[in-house]
Amino acid sequence: MSLRHRVLELAQDYRRAHAPLTPERLAGGIGARLAYTRLPEGQFGTFLPEKKLILIEQTSPPKRQRFTLAHEVMHFLIQHDEDLLSELHETHTGQALERQLEALCNLGAAEMLLPGEAVEAALGQKGQTPRLIPELAERYQVSEEVAIIALAERGPIPSLVLMAGSRPLRVYFSAHHPQLEGRLARGMGFHRNDPLVVAAETGLPQHIQTRLPNHSGLYSLEAYPKGKRVYAVYKRLQP
């Protein structure tokens, strides 16, 4: 069984054992207390094991706070699963280890808050469309980051899924299928005639074949503008 499948099982077991996953139950399931405070810029949450205390950035939106909390819980669960942690250290080192650990914690957090079967049902009804990102976030009261991770993981075609916004347009968050390598970093910008910029400026959905920075092959892009954001799914067409 792959690391990703084992992390998904950890998250599923935790959700079943501690449902409904209120913030207090999320933290309490690992014997931790929960507090909201101001954290250093760019930090959304942290776990202080010696105090059994999870700190969450108090200015974050509530849905983001819940995702951060689930992420910190996943850190604890992975670090206390000796077999999983040992395999992780055997296959990754240095910065690659840190990146993989963060990705696995994000994956587990998304599964805790948005069950995979709900995502697969939505994909079966509407396909792997970026329109599902705000829809799933609203329906299940989760952050859009959670919906993005779930669509990237569960989609039938290896894809990169992202949310962008601001002016000039930049990446807010992205996730990719395990068969793809390299995400688009938070804060990355787009050139002036990029289809995501066109979608943001015209308010019109975009369907086009394109390439991605740091990715090989051609992708089918669907970009969906809503409000001040653009949601996008890049589906791989060829290796």
C-alpha atoms as a PDB file:
ATOM      1  CA  MET A   1       0.000   0.000   0.000  1.00  0.00           C
ATOM      2  CA  SER A   2       1.374   3.424  -0.950  1.00  0.00           C
ATOM      3  CA  LEU A   3       2.100   6.190   1.541  1.00  0.00           C
ATOM      4  CA  ARG A   4      -0.801   8.201   0.163  1.00  0.00           C
ATOM      5  CA  HIS A   5      -3.294   5.352   0.649  1.00  0.00           C
ATOM      6  CA  ARG A   6      -2.076   4.798   4.195  1.00  0.00           C
ATOM      7  CA  VAL A   7      -2.472   8.491   5.002  1.00  0.00           C
ATOM      8  CA  LEU A   8      -5.985   8.465   3.545  1.00  0.00           C
ATOM      9  CA  GLU A   9      -6.840   5.501   5.761  1.00  0.00           C
ATOM     10  CA  LEU A  10      -5.448   7.302   8.819  1.00  0.00           C
ATOM     11  CA  ALA A  11      -7.642  10.300   8.039  1.00  0.00           C
ATOM     12  CA  GLN A  12     -10.731   8.177   7.380  1.00  0.00           C
ATOM     13  CA  ASP A  13     -10.299   6.254  10.642  1.00  0.00           C
ATOM     14  CA  TYR A  14      -9.853   9.502  12.575  1.00  0.00           C
ATOM     15  CA  ARG A  15     -12.974  11.033  11.032  1.00  0.00           C
ATOM     16  CA  ARG A  16     -15.077   7.976  11.912  1.00  0.00           C
ATOM     17  CA  ALA A  17     -13.734   7.828  15.451  1.00  0.00           C
ATOM     18  CA  HIS A  18     -14.225  11.511  16.288  1.00  0.00           C
ATOM     19  CA  ALA A  19     -17.178  12.660  14.187  1.00  0.00           C
ATOM     20  CA  PRO A  20     -18.633  15.212  14.163  1.00  0.00           C
ATOM     21  CA  LEU A  21     -15.308  16.950  13.580  1.00  0.00           C
ATOM     22  CA  THR A  22     -15.833  20.207  15.430  1.00  0.00           C
ATOM     23  CA  PRO A  23     -12.589  22.101  16.092  1.00  0.00           C
ATOM     24  CA  GLU A  24     -12.603  20.934  19.704  1.00  0.00           C
ATOM     25  CA  ARG A  25     -13.097  17.295  18.708  1.00  0.00           C
ATOM     26  CA  LEU A  26     -10.437  17.550  16.018  1.00  0.00           C
ATOM     27  CA  ALA A  27      -7.859  18.701  18.567  1.00  0.00           C
ATOM     28  CA  GLY A  28      -9.180  16.619  21.456  1.00  0.00           C
ATOM     29  CA  GLY A  29      -8.834  13.384  19.503  1.00  0.00           C
ATOM     30  CA  ILE A  30      -5.040  13.614  19.887  1.00  0.00           C
ATOM     31  CA  GLY A  31      -5.276  14.900  23.456  1.00  0.00           C
ATOM     32  CA  ALA A  32      -4.491  18.491  22.526  1.00  0.00           C
ATOM     33  CA  ARG A  33      -5.975  21.823  23.531  1.00  0.00           C
ATOM     34  CA  LEU A  34      -6.809  24.482  20.956  1.00  0.00           C
ATOM     35  CA  ALA A  35      -6.100  28.206  21.064  1.00  0.00           C
ATOM     36  CA  TYR A  36      -6.348  31.066  18.566  1.00  0.00           C
ATOM     37  CA  THR A  37      -3.632  33.715  18.552  1.00  0.00           C
ATOM     38  CA  ARG A  38      -1.458  35.888  16.318  1.00  0.00           C
ATOM     39  CA  LEU A  39       1.327  33.921  14.647  1.00  0.00           C
ATOM     40  CA  PRO A  40       4.331  35.102  12.592  1.00  0.00           C
ATOM     41  CA  GLU A  41       3.425  36.281   9.093  1.00  0.00           C
ATOM     42  CA  GLY A  42       2.870  33.383   6.711  1.00  0.00           C
ATOM     43  CA  GLN A  43       2.293  30.854   9.512  1.00  0.00           C
ATOM     44  CA  PHE A  44      -1.270  29.572   9.865  1.00  0.00           C
ATOM     45  CA  GLY A  45      -0.842  27.076  12.692  1.00  0.00           C
ATOM     46  CA  THR A  46       1.600  25.149  14.862  1.00  0.00           C
ATOM     47  CA  PHE A  47       1.554  22.290  17.355  1.00  0.00           C
ATOM     48  CA  LEU A  48       3.430  22.546  20.666  1.00  0.00           C
ATOM     49  CA  PRO A  49       3.732  18.907  21.753  1.00  0.00           C
ATOM     50  CA  GLU A  50       5.307  19.685  25.134  1.00  0.00           C
ATOM     51  CA  LYS A  51       2.206  21.724  26.030  1.00  0.00           C
ATOM     52  CA  LYS A  52      -0.232  19.533  24.061  1.00  0.00           C
ATOM     53  CA  LEU A  53      -1.425  22.745  22.452  1.00  0.00           C
ATOM     54  CA  ILE A  54      -2.371  23.606  18.861  1.00  0.00           C
ATOM     55  CA  LEU A  55      -2.158  27.284  17.986  1.00  0.00           C
ATOM     56  CA  ILE A  56      -4.159  28.651  15.048  1.00  0.00           C
ATOM     57  CA  GLU A  57      -3.773  32.081  13.427  1.00  0.00           C
ATOM     58  CA  GLN A  58      -6.763  34.037  14.735  1.00  0.00           C
ATOM     59  CA  THR A  59      -7.124  36.290  11.694  1.00  0.00           C
ATOM     60  CA  SER A  60      -7.528  33.412   9.209  1.00  0.00           C
ATOM     61  CA  PRO A  61     -11.022  32.747   7.822  1.00  0.00           C
ATOM     62  CA  PRO A  62     -12.868  30.031   9.813  1.00  0.00           C
ATOM     63  CA  LYS A  63     -12.692  27.464   6.987  1.00  0.00           C
ATOM     64  CA  ARG A  64      -8.951  28.040   6.642  1.00  0.00           C
ATOM     65  CA  GLN A  65      -8.551  27.670  10.414  1.00  0.00           C
ATOM     66  CA  ARG A  66     -10.307  24.300  10.312  1.00  0.00           C
ATOM     67  CA  PHE A  67      -8.090  23.060   7.473  1.00  0.00           C
ATOM     68  CA  THR A  68      -4.971  24.223   9.328  1.00  0.00           C
ATOM     69  CA  LEU A  69      -6.151  22.414  12.451  1.00  0.00           C
ATOM     70  CA  ALA A  70      -6.737  19.187  10.524  1.00  0.00           C
ATOM     71  CA  HIS A  71      -3.271  19.593   8.959  1.00  0.00           C
ATOM     72  CA  GLU A  72      -1.645  19.829  12.404  1.00  0.00           C
ATOM     73  CA  VAL A  73      -3.587  16.764  13.580  1.00  0.00           C
ATOM     74  CA  MET A  74      -2.285  14.839  10.554  1.00  0.00           C
ATOM     75  CA  HIS A  75       1.277  15.801  11.499  1.00  0.00           C
ATOM     76  CA  PHE A  76       0.699  14.173  14.878  1.00  0.00           C
ATOM     77  CA  LEU A  77      -0.907  11.047  13.407  1.00  0.00           C
ATOM     78  CA  ILE A  78       1.874  10.505  10.855  1.00  0.00           C
ATOM     79  CA  GLN A  79       4.641  11.135  13.379  1.00  0.00           C
ATOM     80  CA  HIS A  80       3.105   8.557  15.733  1.00  0.00           C
ATOM     81  CA  ASP A  81       2.714   5.876  13.057  1.00  0.00           C
ATOM     82  CA  GLU A  82       6.140   4.237  13.260  1.00  0.00           C
ATOM     83  CA  ASP A  83       5.809   2.132  10.106  1.00  0.00           C
ATOM     84  CA  LEU A  84       4.549   5.011   7.977  1.00  0.00           C
ATOM     85  CA  LEU A  85       7.148   7.425   9.339  1.00  0.00           C
ATOM     86  CA  SER A  86       9.955   4.909   8.810  1.00  0.00           C
ATOM     87  CA  GLU A  87       8.958   4.346   5.188  1.00  0.00           C
ATOM     88  CA  LEU A  88       8.724   8.081   4.614  1.00  0.00           C
ATOM     89  CA  HIS A  89      12.287   8.557   5.871  1.00  0.00           C
ATOM     90  CA  GLU A  90      13.505   5.646   3.757  1.00  0.00           C
ATOM     91  CA  THR A  91      12.145   7.130   0.527  1.00  0.00           C
ATOM     92  CA  HIS A  92      12.782  10.852   1.088  1.00  0.00           C
ATOM     93  CA  THR A  93      15.508  13.021   2.629  1.00  0.00           C
ATOM     94  CA  GLY A  94      16.170  16.686   3.274  1.00  0.00           C
ATOM     95  CA  GLN A  95      13.855  19.207   1.656  1.00  0.00           C
ATOM     96  CA  ALA A  96      12.166  16.460  -0.374  1.00  0.00           C
ATOM     97  CA  LEU A  97      11.157  14.830   2.917  1.00  0.00           C
ATOM     98  CA  GLU A  98       9.689  18.084   4.224  1.00  0.00           C
ATOM     99  CA  ARG A  99       7.762  18.695   1.002  1.00  0.00           C
ATOM    100  CA  GLN A 100       6.378  15.153   0.972  1.00  0.00           C
ATOM    101  CA  LEU A 101       5.370  15.349   4.629  1.00  0.00           C
ATOM    102  CA  GLU A 102       3.529  18.629   4.055  1.00  0.00           C
ATOM    103  CA  ALA A 103       1.778  17.186   0.985  1.00  0.00           C
ATOM    104  CA  LEU A 104       0.696  14.087   2.940  1.00  0.00           C
ATOM    105  CA  CYS A 105      -0.604  16.222   5.809  1.00  0.00           C
ATOM    106  CA  ASN A 106      -2.593  18.326   3.339  1.00  0.00           C
ATOM    107  CA  LEU A 107      -3.965  15.166   1.735  1.00  0.00           C
ATOM    108  CA  GLY A 108      -5.034  13.698   5.069  1.00  0.00           C
ATOM    109  CA  ALA A 109      -6.555  16.977   6.241  1.00  0.00           C
ATOM    110  CA  ALA A 110      -8.617  17.242   3.070  1.00  0.00           C
ATOM    111  CA  GLU A 111      -9.870  13.655   3.485  1.00  0.00           C
ATOM    112  CA  MET A 112     -10.847  14.301   7.099  1.00  0.00           C
ATOM    113  CA  LEU A 113     -12.980  17.306   6.201  1.00  0.00           C
ATOM    114  CA  LEU A 114     -14.262  16.281   2.760  1.00  0.00           C
ATOM    115  CA  PRO A 115     -14.790  12.504   2.397  1.00  0.00           C
ATOM    116  CA  GLY A 116     -13.451  10.993  -0.812  1.00  0.00           C
ATOM    117  CA  GLU A 117     -16.746   9.302  -1.613  1.00  0.00           C
ATOM    118  CA  ALA A 118     -18.484  12.706  -1.694  1.00  0.00           C
ATOM    119  CA  VAL A 119     -15.861  14.018  -4.112  1.00  0.00           C
ATOM    120  CA  GLU A 120     -16.133  10.980  -6.368  1.00  0.00           C
ATOM    121  CA  ALA A 121     -19.929  11.320  -6.428  1.00  0.00           C
ATOM    122  CA  ALA A 122     -19.603  14.960  -7.510  1.00  0.00           C
ATOM    123  CA  LEU A 123     -17.021  14.029 -10.160  1.00  0.00           C
ATOM    124  CA  GLY A 124     -19.381  11.343 -11.468  1.00  0.00           C
ATOM    125  CA  GLN A 125     -22.180  13.887 -11.836  1.00  0.00           C
ATOM    126  CA  LYS A 126     -20.309  16.890 -13.244  1.00  0.00           C
ATOM    127  CA  GLY A 127     -16.879  15.716 -14.325  1.00  0.00           C
ATOM    128  CA  GLN A 128     -13.518  17.130 -13.288  1.00  0.00           C
ATOM    129  CA  THR A 129     -14.431  20.784 -13.644  1.00  0.00           C
ATOM    130  CA  PRO A 130     -13.099  23.756 -11.665  1.00  0.00           C
ATOM    131  CA  ARG A 131     -16.703  24.764 -11.004  1.00  0.00           C
ATOM    132  CA  LEU A 132     -16.706  22.035  -8.341  1.00  0.00           C
ATOM    133  CA  ILE A 133     -14.145  23.914  -6.221  1.00  0.00           C
ATOM    134  CA  PRO A 134     -16.482  26.632  -4.868  1.00  0.00           C
ATOM    135  CA  GLU A 135     -19.464  24.251  -5.012  1.00  0.00           C
ATOM    136  CA  LEU A 136     -17.849  21.599  -2.804  1.00  0.00           C
ATOM    137  CA  ALA A 137     -16.415  24.237  -0.474  1.00  0.00           C
ATOM    138  CA  GLU A 138     -19.879  25.730   0.077  1.00  0.00           C
ATOM    139  CA  ARG A 139     -21.773  22.440   0.270  1.00  0.00           C
ATOM    140  CA  TYR A 140     -19.464  20.845   2.848  1.00  0.00           C
ATOM    141  CA  GLN A 141     -18.357  24.076   4.563  1.00  0.00           C
ATOM    142  CA  VAL A 142     -14.671  23.481   3.894  1.00  0.00           C
ATOM    143  CA  SER A 143     -11.968  25.773   2.568  1.00  0.00           C
ATOM    144  CA  GLU A 144     -11.395  25.946  -1.169  1.00  0.00           C
ATOM    145  CA  GLU A 145      -7.921  24.515  -0.532  1.00  0.00           C
ATOM    146  CA  VAL A 146      -9.570  21.314   0.707  1.00  0.00           C
ATOM    147  CA  ALA A 147     -11.690  21.056  -2.453  1.00  0.00           C
ATOM    148  CA  ILE A 148      -8.631  21.674  -4.653  1.00  0.00           C
ATOM    149  CA  ILE A 149      -6.617  18.904  -2.977  1.00  0.00           C
ATOM    150  CA  ALA A 150      -9.527  16.495  -3.232  1.00  0.00           C
ATOM    151  CA  LEU A 151     -10.123  17.175  -6.942  1.00  0.00           C
ATOM    152  CA  ALA A 152      -6.435  16.789  -7.740  1.00  0.00           C
ATOM    153  CA  GLU A 153      -6.236  13.502  -5.839  1.00  0.00           C
ATOM    154  CA  ARG A 154      -9.542  11.946  -6.926  1.00  0.00           C
ATOM    155  CA  GLY A 155      -9.809  13.147 -10.526  1.00  0.00           C
ATOM    156  CA  PRO A 156      -9.858  10.406 -13.183  1.00  0.00           C
ATOM    157  CA  ILE A 157      -7.192  12.185 -15.278  1.00  0.00           C
ATOM    158  CA  PRO A 158      -3.841  13.281 -13.777  1.00  0.00           C
ATOM    159  CA  SER A 159      -4.367  16.988 -13.256  1.00  0.00           C
ATOM    160  CA  LEU A 160      -3.116  20.114 -11.569  1.00  0.00           C
ATOM    161  CA  VAL A 161      -5.838  22.136  -9.845  1.00  0.00           C
ATOM    162  CA  LEU A 162      -5.467  25.708  -8.653  1.00  0.00           C
ATOM    163  CA  MET A 163      -7.066  28.896  -7.422  1.00  0.00           C
ATOM    164  CA  ALA A 164      -5.726  32.311  -8.424  1.00  0.00           C
ATOM    165  CA  GLY A 165      -6.651  35.894  -7.658  1.00  0.00           C
ATOM    166  CA  SER A 166      -5.431  39.448  -6.960  1.00  0.00           C
ATOM    167  CA  ARG A 167      -4.142  42.005  -9.468  1.00  0.00           C
ATOM    168  CA  PRO A 168      -1.887  41.200 -11.149  1.00  0.00           C
ATOM    169  CA  LEU A 169      -3.169  37.630 -11.106  1.00  0.00           C
ATOM    170  CA  ARG A 170      -1.172  35.182  -8.986  1.00  0.00           C
ATOM    171  CA  VAL A 171      -1.518  31.651  -7.627  1.00  0.00           C
ATOM    172  CA  TYR A 172      -3.241  31.432  -4.252  1.00  0.00           C
ATOM    173  CA  PHE A 173      -3.094  27.626  -3.913  1.00  0.00           C
ATOM    174  CA  SER A 174      -2.458  24.590  -6.097  1.00  0.00           C
ATOM    175  CA  ALA A 175      -2.365  20.800  -5.811  1.00  0.00           C
ATOM    176  CA  HIS A 176      -1.512  18.051  -8.261  1.00  0.00           C
ATOM    177  CA  HIS A 177      -2.225  14.385  -8.883  1.00  0.00           C
ATOM    178  CA  PRO A 178       0.469  12.008  -7.535  1.00  0.00           C
ATOM    179  CA  GLN A 179       1.414  11.019 -11.094  1.00  0.00           C
ATOM    180  CA  LEU A 180       2.455  14.603 -11.811  1.00  0.00           C
ATOM    181  CA  GLU A 181       5.537  16.297 -10.442  1.00  0.00           C
ATOM    182  CA  GLY A 182       5.836  19.916  -9.451  1.00  0.00           C
ATOM    183  CA  ARG A 183       3.089  22.265  -8.351  1.00  0.00           C
ATOM    184  CA  LEU A 184       2.718  25.931  -9.216  1.00  0.00           C
ATOM    185  CA  ALA A 185       4.123  27.826  -6.250  1.00  0.00           C
ATOM    186  CA  ARG A 186       1.974  30.162  -4.178  1.00  0.00           C
ATOM    187  CA  GLY A 187       2.424  33.724  -5.424  1.00  0.00           C
ATOM    188  CA  MET A 188       3.500  32.752  -8.940  1.00  0.00           C
ATOM    189  CA  GLY A 189       2.290  35.234 -11.554  1.00  0.00           C
ATOM    190  CA  PHE A 190       1.012  34.801 -15.112  1.00  0.00           C
ATOM    191  CA  HIS A 191       1.992  36.498 -18.351  1.00  0.00           C
ATOM    192  CA  ARG A 192      -0.356  39.079 -19.810  1.00  0.00           C
ATOM    193  CA  ASN A 193      -2.045  36.838 -22.404  1.00  0.00           C
ATOM    194  CA  ASP A 194      -2.347  33.756 -20.191  1.00  0.00           C
ATOM    195  CA  PRO A 195      -5.860  32.228 -20.424  1.00  0.00           C
ATOM    196  CA  LEU A 196      -6.289  32.584 -16.642  1.00  0.00           C
ATOM    197  CA  VAL A 197      -5.646  36.325 -16.943  1.00  0.00           C
ATOM    198  CA  VAL A 198      -8.131  36.480 -19.827  1.00  0.00           C
ATOM    199  CA  ALA A 199     -10.714  34.670 -17.675  1.00  0.00           C
ATOM    200  CA  ALA A 200     -10.127  37.072 -14.771  1.00  0.00           C
ATOM    201  CA  GLU A 201     -10.374  40.199 -16.904  1.00  0.00           C
ATOM    202  CA  THR A 202     -13.332  39.186 -19.101  1.00  0.00           C
ATOM    203  CA  GLY A 203     -15.306  37.071 -16.636  1.00  0.00           C
ATOM    204  CA  LEU A 204     -15.563  34.390 -19.325  1.00  0.00           C
ATOM    205  CA  PRO A 205     -14.639  30.703 -18.848  1.00  0.00           C
ATOM    206  CA  GLN A 206     -11.686  29.500 -20.909  1.00  0.00           C
ATOM    207  CA  HIS A 207     -11.113  26.109 -22.571  1.00  0.00           C
ATOM    208  CA  ILE A 208      -7.726  25.735 -24.256  1.00  0.00           C
ATOM    209  CA  GLN A 209      -4.748  23.446 -24.706  1.00  0.00           C
ATOM    210  CA  THR A 210      -1.600  24.840 -23.095  1.00  0.00           C
ATOM    211  CA  ARG A 211       1.662  24.056 -21.352  1.00  0.00           C
ATOM    212  CA  LEU A 212       2.662  24.615 -17.756  1.00  0.00           C
ATOM    213  CA  PRO A 213       5.916  25.961 -16.295  1.00  0.00           C
ATOM    214  CA  ASN A 214       8.090  23.124 -14.942  1.00  0.00           C
ATOM    215  CA  HIS A 215       5.782  20.493 -16.453  1.00  0.00           C
ATOM    216  CA  SER A 216       6.346  18.401 -19.549  1.00  0.00           C
ATOM    217  CA  GLY A 217       3.623  17.648 -22.041  1.00  0.00           C
ATOM    218  CA  LEU A 218       0.422  19.334 -23.089  1.00  0.00           C
ATOM    219  CA  TYR A 219      -2.577  20.064 -20.867  1.00  0.00           C
ATOM    220  CA  SER A 220      -6.248  20.714 -21.454  1.00  0.00           C
ATOM    221  CA  LEU A 221      -7.143  23.759 -19.375  1.00  0.00           C
ATOM    222  CA  GLU A 222     -10.562  24.737 -18.088  1.00  0.00           C
ATOM    223  CA  ALA A 223     -10.582  28.060 -16.240  1.00  0.00           C
ATOM    224  CA  TYR A 224     -13.660  29.272 -14.382  1.00  0.00           C
ATOM    225  CA  PRO A 225     -13.836  32.860 -13.074  1.00  0.00           C
ATOM    226  CA  LYS A 226     -16.093  33.605 -10.111  1.00  0.00           C
ATOM    227  CA  GLY A 227     -16.046  36.810  -8.122  1.00  0.00           C
ATOM    228  CA  LYS A 228     -12.464  37.937  -7.712  1.00  0.00           C
ATOM    229  CA  ARG A 229     -10.994  34.477  -8.233  1.00  0.00           C
ATOM    230  CA  VAL A 230     -10.207  32.105 -11.069  1.00  0.00           C
ATOM    231  CA  TYR A 231     -10.400  28.341 -10.563  1.00  0.00           C
ATOM    232  CA  ALA A 232      -8.589  26.080 -12.991  1.00  0.00           C
ATOM    233  CA  VAL A 233      -8.042  22.408 -13.824  1.00  0.00           C
ATOM    234  CA  TYR A 234      -5.124  21.452 -16.085  1.00  0.00           C
ATOM    235  CA  LYS A 235      -5.663  17.889 -17.351  1.00  0.00           C
ATOM    236  CA  ARG A 236      -2.629  16.118 -18.791  1.00  0.00           C
ATOM    237  CA  LEU A 237      -3.090  15.137 -22.435  1.00  0.00           C
ATOM    238  CA  GLN A 238       0.241  13.408 -22.944  1.00  0.00           C
ATOM    239  CA  PRO A 239       3.284  12.453 -20.854  1.00  0.00           C
END
